[in-house]
Amino acid sequence: MVPVAISVHETTAGCARSLRRFLNTIDCAEALNTDMTNLTPDLVFGDQGFIGGFRALGLPVGGIDIALPGSSAVEIIPRCYMGSTGALWLLERIMNELMNG
């Protein structure tokens, strides 16, 4: 699974640089700021409204709500989103979404 389109609304210069460097490393630099209008991704990261927009068009996408607060679940236990623990959390979310839709 590789990124096909990435849109970042708020960031710092350092984060933007790191994101560009990472995308170059995995040979996906063209994904940054790519228009998603004509794409049918397998998995969408965003808020519920963004994910719902794809589903409303009848597109068979899985969605991972990364906006705070998420309306689909209440999470009380603190989560680490960075490093190996964050990668495991993200992998768990992806697998559950792909299995359960």
Protein backbone atom coordinates (compact mmCIF):
# COMPACT_ATOMS: atom_id res chain seq x y z
CA MET A 1 0.00 0.00 0.00
CA VAL A 2 1.47 3.36 -1.03
CA PRO A 3 0.15 6.91 -0.72
CA VAL A 4 -1.53 8.19 -3.89
CA ALA A 5 -2.65 11.60 -2.63
CA ILE A 6 -1.68 13.62 0.43
CA SER A 7 -3.17 16.92 1.48
CA VAL A 8 -1.97 18.66 4.64
CA HIS A 9 -3.93 21.67 5.86
CA GLU A 10 -1.83 22.83 8.80
CA THR A 11 1.85 22.15 9.32
CA THR A 12 5.16 23.70 10.26
CA ALA A 13 8.04 24.20 7.84
CA GLY A 14 10.02 21.43 9.56
CA CYS A 15 7.15 18.93 9.34
CA ALA A 16 6.56 19.79 5.68
CA ARG A 17 10.26 19.26 4.94
CA SER A 18 10.24 15.92 6.77
CA LEU A 19 7.13 14.80 4.89
CA ARG A 20 8.67 15.72 1.51
CA ARG A 21 11.91 13.95 2.43
CA PHE A 22 10.02 10.81 3.51
CA LEU A 23 7.91 10.77 0.34
CA ASN A 24 11.05 11.13 -1.77
CA THR A 25 12.62 8.23 0.14
CA ILE A 26 9.71 5.91 -0.70
CA ASP A 27 9.46 7.26 -4.26
CA CYS A 28 6.01 8.79 -3.71
CA ALA A 29 6.80 12.52 -3.91
CA GLU A 30 4.09 13.02 -6.55
CA ALA A 31 1.41 12.11 -3.96
CA LEU A 32 1.87 15.40 -2.08
CA ASN A 33 -0.92 17.83 -3.03
CA THR A 34 -2.29 15.47 -5.70
CA ASP A 35 -5.96 16.15 -6.49
CA MET A 36 -8.08 13.30 -5.12
CA THR A 37 -11.08 14.02 -7.34
CA ASN A 38 -10.48 11.21 -9.83
CA LEU A 39 -8.94 8.70 -7.44
CA THR A 40 -10.47 5.67 -5.75
CA PRO A 41 -8.18 4.96 -2.81
CA ASP A 42 -8.39 1.75 -0.78
CA LEU A 43 -7.98 3.60 2.49
CA VAL A 44 -8.61 7.24 3.43
CA PHE A 45 -7.22 9.05 6.48
CA GLY A 46 -9.15 12.14 7.58
CA ASP A 47 -12.15 13.27 9.57
CA GLN A 48 -15.53 11.53 9.35
CA GLY A 49 -16.87 14.12 6.90
CA PHE A 50 -13.95 13.64 4.54
CA ILE A 51 -14.27 9.85 4.66
CA GLY A 52 -18.05 10.10 4.32
CA GLY A 53 -17.65 12.16 1.14
CA PHE A 54 -15.98 9.22 -0.58
CA ARG A 55 -18.58 6.78 0.71
CA ALA A 56 -21.44 9.07 -0.35
CA LEU A 57 -20.11 8.85 -3.90
CA GLY A 58 -20.41 5.07 -3.65
CA LEU A 59 -16.65 4.53 -3.57
CA PRO A 60 -15.61 1.39 -1.67
CA VAL A 61 -13.08 2.97 0.66
CA GLY A 62 -11.99 2.14 4.16
CA GLY A 63 -11.57 5.12 6.45
CA ILE A 64 -9.35 5.87 9.42
CA ASP A 65 -10.60 8.85 11.44
CA ILE A 66 -7.50 10.81 12.46
CA ALA A 67 -9.29 14.02 13.42
CA LEU A 68 -9.94 14.94 17.02
CA PRO A 69 -12.48 14.32 18.34
CA GLY A 70 -13.59 11.32 16.32
CA SER A 71 -17.31 10.68 16.38
CA SER A 72 -17.22 6.93 15.86
CA ALA A 73 -15.38 5.88 19.00
CA VAL A 74 -14.50 7.10 22.45
CA GLU A 75 -10.89 6.50 23.39
CA ILE A 76 -9.86 7.24 26.94
CA ILE A 77 -6.48 5.50 27.13
CA PRO A 78 -3.66 7.76 25.89
CA ARG A 79 -2.25 6.63 22.55
CA CYS A 80 1.20 7.13 21.10
CA TYR A 81 1.00 8.04 17.41
CA MET A 82 4.74 8.17 16.76
CA GLY A 83 7.47 5.54 16.73
CA SER A 84 6.96 1.79 16.85
CA THR A 85 3.96 2.02 19.21
CA GLY A 86 2.29 4.48 16.85
CA ALA A 87 3.02 2.23 13.89
CA LEU A 88 1.34 -0.69 15.68
CA TRP A 89 -1.69 1.49 16.50
CA LEU A 90 -1.96 2.56 12.87
CA LEU A 91 -1.52 -1.00 11.59
CA GLU A 92 -4.26 -2.16 13.96
CA ARG A 93 -6.62 0.55 12.67
CA ILE A 94 -5.86 -0.27 9.02
CA MET A 95 -6.39 -3.98 9.49
CA ASN A 96 -9.66 -3.51 11.38
CA GLU A 97 -10.98 -1.07 8.78
CA LEU A 98 -10.09 -3.34 5.87
CA MET A 99 -11.60 -6.37 7.59
CA ASN A 100 -14.75 -4.68 8.87
CA GLY A 101 -15.28 -1.94 6.28
